Amino acid sequence: MTKTELIATVANKTGLPKAAAEKAVKATIEGIAGALAKGDKVTLVGFGTFEVTKRAARNGVNPRTRKPIKIKASKGLRFRAGKALKDTVNK
């Protein structure tokens, strides 16, 4: 499902015009992204949890030159599906 398809689904299920559904979907995505950027955990009960994870700096190898390189510390994202979502998918 693409973002456009999601907007159409929200519009159909809520009876909102597509423009209003698009604003709602965009606001939801921006809200989740903003909270994650601050380092907060986002929990949508029944759907799942989004959280930021930290990756430590480490040594690596450039596969082309085989020279050692240093990989900077970074942040990653993790999503854990909630029980209701798992149950829906496994029906």
N, C-alpha and C. Protein backbone atom coordinates (compact mmCIF):
# COMPACT_ATOMS: atom_id res chain seq x y z
N MET A 1 0.85 -1.17 0.00
CA MET A 1 0.00 0.00 0.00
C MET A 1 0.90 1.24 0.00
N THR A 2 0.59 2.16 -0.88
CA THR A 2 1.34 3.41 -0.96
C THR A 2 0.64 4.47 -0.11
N LYS A 3 1.30 5.60 0.04
CA LYS A 3 0.73 6.70 0.81
C LYS A 3 -0.58 7.17 0.17
N THR A 4 -0.62 7.24 -1.15
CA THR A 4 -1.83 7.64 -1.87
C THR A 4 -2.97 6.67 -1.61
N GLU A 5 -2.67 5.38 -1.62
CA GLU A 5 -3.69 4.37 -1.34
C GLU A 5 -4.17 4.46 0.11
N LEU A 6 -3.25 4.76 1.02
CA LEU A 6 -3.63 4.93 2.43
C LEU A 6 -4.57 6.11 2.59
N ILE A 7 -4.28 7.21 1.91
CA ILE A 7 -5.14 8.40 1.97
C ILE A 7 -6.52 8.06 1.43
N ALA A 8 -6.58 7.33 0.32
CA ALA A 8 -7.87 6.93 -0.25
C ALA A 8 -8.65 6.04 0.71
N THR A 9 -7.97 5.13 1.38
CA THR A 9 -8.62 4.24 2.34
C THR A 9 -9.17 5.03 3.53
N VAL A 10 -8.37 5.97 4.04
CA VAL A 10 -8.83 6.80 5.16
C VAL A 10 -10.05 7.61 4.73
N ALA A 11 -10.01 8.17 3.54
CA ALA A 11 -11.14 8.95 3.04
C ALA A 11 -12.40 8.09 2.93
N ASN A 12 -12.27 6.88 2.41
CA ASN A 12 -13.42 5.99 2.25
C ASN A 12 -13.99 5.53 3.58
N LYS A 13 -13.12 5.19 4.54
CA LYS A 13 -13.58 4.66 5.82
C LYS A 13 -14.15 5.74 6.73
N THR A 14 -13.69 6.97 6.60
CA THR A 14 -14.15 8.04 7.49
C THR A 14 -15.20 8.93 6.85
N GLY A 15 -15.33 8.90 5.54
CA GLY A 15 -16.26 9.78 4.85
C GLY A 15 -15.71 11.18 4.66
N LEU A 16 -14.44 11.36 4.95
CA LEU A 16 -13.80 12.67 4.75
C LEU A 16 -13.46 12.86 3.28
N PRO A 17 -13.41 14.11 2.84
CA PRO A 17 -12.89 14.35 1.49
C PRO A 17 -11.41 13.97 1.44
N LYS A 18 -10.93 13.65 0.24
CA LYS A 18 -9.53 13.21 0.12
C LYS A 18 -8.55 14.26 0.63
N ALA A 19 -8.85 15.54 0.43
CA ALA A 19 -7.95 16.60 0.90
C ALA A 19 -7.82 16.58 2.42
N ALA A 20 -8.93 16.38 3.11
CA ALA A 20 -8.89 16.32 4.58
C ALA A 20 -8.20 15.05 5.05
N ALA A 21 -8.44 13.93 4.36
CA ALA A 21 -7.78 12.68 4.71
C ALA A 21 -6.27 12.79 4.50
N GLU A 22 -5.87 13.48 3.43
CA GLU A 22 -4.44 13.67 3.17
C GLU A 22 -3.81 14.49 4.29
N LYS A 23 -4.47 15.54 4.74
CA LYS A 23 -3.95 16.35 5.85
C LYS A 23 -3.83 15.52 7.12
N ALA A 24 -4.82 14.67 7.37
CA ALA A 24 -4.79 13.83 8.57
C ALA A 24 -3.64 12.82 8.52
N VAL A 25 -3.46 12.19 7.38
CA VAL A 25 -2.37 11.20 7.25
C VAL A 25 -1.02 11.90 7.37
N LYS A 26 -0.86 13.04 6.70
CA LYS A 26 0.41 13.76 6.78
C LYS A 26 0.69 14.23 8.21
N ALA A 27 -0.33 14.71 8.90
CA ALA A 27 -0.15 15.17 10.28
C ALA A 27 0.25 14.01 11.19
N THR A 28 -0.35 12.85 10.97
CA THR A 28 -0.01 11.67 11.76
C THR A 28 1.45 11.27 11.54
N ILE A 29 1.86 11.22 10.29
CA ILE A 29 3.23 10.83 9.96
C ILE A 29 4.22 11.85 10.52
N GLU A 30 3.92 13.13 10.37
CA GLU A 30 4.80 14.19 10.90
C GLU A 30 4.88 14.12 12.42
N GLY A 31 3.76 13.83 13.08
CA GLY A 31 3.75 13.70 14.53
C GLY A 31 4.62 12.56 15.01
N ILE A 32 4.50 11.41 14.34
CA ILE A 32 5.32 10.26 14.71
C ILE A 32 6.80 10.56 14.45
N ALA A 33 7.11 11.13 13.28
CA ALA A 33 8.51 11.45 12.94
C ALA A 33 9.09 12.47 13.91
N GLY A 34 8.30 13.47 14.28
CA GLY A 34 8.77 14.49 15.21
C GLY A 34 9.08 13.91 16.58
N ALA A 35 8.23 13.03 17.07
CA ALA A 35 8.47 12.40 18.36
C ALA A 35 9.71 11.52 18.32
N LEU A 36 9.89 10.78 17.23
CA LEU A 36 11.07 9.93 17.10
C LEU A 36 12.34 10.75 17.00
N ALA A 37 12.27 11.90 16.31
CA ALA A 37 13.44 12.77 16.18
C ALA A 37 13.88 13.29 17.55
N LYS A 38 12.93 13.47 18.47
CA LYS A 38 13.26 13.91 19.83
C LYS A 38 13.76 12.76 20.70
N GLY A 39 13.66 11.55 20.19
CA GLY A 39 14.10 10.39 20.94
C GLY A 39 12.99 9.72 21.73
N ASP A 40 11.75 10.16 21.55
CA ASP A 40 10.62 9.57 22.26
C ASP A 40 10.20 8.25 21.61
N LYS A 41 9.55 7.42 22.40
CA LYS A 41 8.97 6.18 21.90
C LYS A 41 7.52 6.48 21.54
N VAL A 42 7.03 5.95 20.42
CA VAL A 42 5.65 6.15 19.99
C VAL A 42 4.93 4.80 20.05
N THR A 43 3.90 4.72 20.89
CA THR A 43 3.14 3.49 21.04
C THR A 43 1.71 3.71 20.58
N LEU A 44 1.30 2.93 19.61
CA LEU A 44 -0.08 2.94 19.14
C LEU A 44 -0.69 1.61 19.57
N VAL A 45 -1.47 1.65 20.64
CA VAL A 45 -2.00 0.42 21.24
C VAL A 45 -2.77 -0.37 20.19
N GLY A 46 -2.45 -1.65 20.10
CA GLY A 46 -3.09 -2.52 19.13
C GLY A 46 -2.39 -2.55 17.79
N PHE A 47 -1.56 -1.55 17.52
CA PHE A 47 -0.83 -1.51 16.24
C PHE A 47 0.63 -1.86 16.46
N GLY A 48 1.33 -1.08 17.27
CA GLY A 48 2.73 -1.38 17.52
C GLY A 48 3.47 -0.20 18.13
N THR A 49 4.77 -0.37 18.28
CA THR A 49 5.62 0.62 18.91
C THR A 49 6.79 0.96 18.00
N PHE A 50 7.02 2.26 17.82
CA PHE A 50 8.18 2.76 17.09
C PHE A 50 9.15 3.30 18.14
N GLU A 51 10.43 2.98 18.00
CA GLU A 51 11.42 3.55 18.91
C GLU A 51 12.76 3.73 18.22
N VAL A 52 13.54 4.64 18.77
CA VAL A 52 14.86 4.94 18.24
C VAL A 52 15.88 4.07 18.98
N THR A 53 16.79 3.46 18.23
CA THR A 53 17.87 2.68 18.83
C THR A 53 19.20 3.35 18.51
N LYS A 54 20.16 3.15 19.38
CA LYS A 54 21.48 3.73 19.16
C LYS A 54 22.44 2.65 18.72
N ARG A 55 23.23 2.98 17.70
CA ARG A 55 24.28 2.08 17.22
C ARG A 55 25.61 2.70 17.60
N ALA A 56 26.43 1.94 18.25
CA ALA A 56 27.74 2.43 18.67
C ALA A 56 28.68 2.55 17.48
N ALA A 57 29.69 3.41 17.62
CA ALA A 57 30.73 3.51 16.60
C ALA A 57 31.48 2.17 16.57
N ARG A 58 31.92 1.80 15.38
CA ARG A 58 32.62 0.52 15.26
C ARG A 58 33.59 0.55 14.09
N ASN A 59 34.43 -0.44 14.04
CA ASN A 59 35.37 -0.57 12.94
C ASN A 59 34.75 -1.48 11.88
N GLY A 60 35.02 -1.16 10.63
CA GLY A 60 34.51 -1.95 9.53
C GLY A 60 35.59 -2.09 8.47
N VAL A 61 35.24 -2.71 7.35
CA VAL A 61 36.17 -2.91 6.25
C VAL A 61 35.49 -2.47 4.96
N ASN A 62 36.18 -1.65 4.18
CA ASN A 62 35.69 -1.27 2.86
C ASN A 62 35.79 -2.51 1.98
N PRO A 63 34.66 -3.02 1.47
CA PRO A 63 34.72 -4.27 0.71
C PRO A 63 35.48 -4.15 -0.61
N ARG A 64 35.55 -2.96 -1.16
CA ARG A 64 36.24 -2.78 -2.43
C ARG A 64 37.76 -2.76 -2.24
N THR A 65 38.23 -2.01 -1.24
CA THR A 65 39.68 -1.85 -1.06
C THR A 65 40.24 -2.72 0.05
N ARG A 66 39.36 -3.32 0.86
CA ARG A 66 39.76 -4.14 2.02
C ARG A 66 40.49 -3.33 3.09
N LYS A 67 40.40 -2.01 3.02
CA LYS A 67 41.03 -1.17 4.04
C LYS A 67 40.08 -0.99 5.22
N PRO A 68 40.62 -0.95 6.43
CA PRO A 68 39.76 -0.72 7.60
C PRO A 68 39.23 0.71 7.59
N ILE A 69 37.99 0.86 8.02
CA ILE A 69 37.38 2.18 8.14
C ILE A 69 36.67 2.26 9.48
N LYS A 70 36.42 3.49 9.92
CA LYS A 70 35.68 3.70 11.15
C LYS A 70 34.26 4.10 10.77
N ILE A 71 33.30 3.41 11.33
CA ILE A 71 31.89 3.71 11.09
C ILE A 71 31.39 4.51 12.28
N LYS A 72 30.82 5.68 12.00
CA LYS A 72 30.33 6.57 13.05
C LYS A 72 29.15 5.97 13.80
N ALA A 73 28.97 6.45 15.02
CA ALA A 73 27.77 6.08 15.78
C ALA A 73 26.56 6.67 15.06
N SER A 74 25.45 5.97 15.11
CA SER A 74 24.25 6.45 14.44
C SER A 74 23.01 5.99 15.20
N LYS A 75 21.88 6.44 14.72
CA LYS A 75 20.60 6.04 15.31
C LYS A 75 19.83 5.24 14.26
N GLY A 76 19.11 4.26 14.71
CA GLY A 76 18.27 3.46 13.84
C GLY A 76 16.86 3.46 14.37
N LEU A 77 15.94 2.91 13.62
CA LEU A 77 14.55 2.82 14.04
C LEU A 77 14.15 1.36 14.18
N ARG A 78 13.28 1.13 15.14
CA ARG A 78 12.76 -0.22 15.34
C ARG A 78 11.24 -0.13 15.45
N PHE A 79 10.57 -1.08 14.84
CA PHE A 79 9.12 -1.20 14.97
C PHE A 79 8.80 -2.58 15.49
N ARG A 80 8.02 -2.63 16.55
CA ARG A 80 7.55 -3.91 17.08
C ARG A 80 6.04 -3.94 16.96
N ALA A 81 5.53 -4.91 16.26
CA ALA A 81 4.09 -5.03 16.04
C ALA A 81 3.38 -5.40 17.33
N GLY A 82 2.21 -4.81 17.52
CA GLY A 82 1.39 -5.12 18.68
C GLY A 82 0.62 -6.42 18.48
N LYS A 83 0.04 -6.93 19.58
CA LYS A 83 -0.66 -8.20 19.53
C LYS A 83 -1.84 -8.18 18.57
N ALA A 84 -2.63 -7.12 18.58
CA ALA A 84 -3.79 -7.05 17.70
C ALA A 84 -3.38 -7.07 16.23
N LEU A 85 -2.29 -6.38 15.88
CA LEU A 85 -1.81 -6.39 14.51
C LEU A 85 -1.31 -7.77 14.12
N LYS A 86 -0.58 -8.42 15.01
CA LYS A 86 -0.10 -9.78 14.74
C LYS A 86 -1.26 -10.73 14.53
N ASP A 87 -2.28 -10.61 15.39
CA ASP A 87 -3.45 -11.48 15.27
C ASP A 87 -4.19 -11.25 13.95
N THR A 88 -4.30 -10.00 13.53
CA THR A 88 -4.96 -9.67 12.26
C THR A 88 -4.20 -10.26 11.08
N VAL A 89 -2.89 -10.16 11.11
CA VAL A 89 -2.07 -10.65 10.01
C VAL A 89 -2.09 -12.18 9.95
N ASN A 90 -2.18 -12.82 11.12
CA ASN A 90 -2.13 -14.28 11.19
C ASN A 90 -3.48 -14.97 11.07
N LYS A 91 -4.53 -14.26 10.72
CA LYS A 91 -5.86 -14.89 10.57
C LYS A 91 -5.88 -15.76 9.34
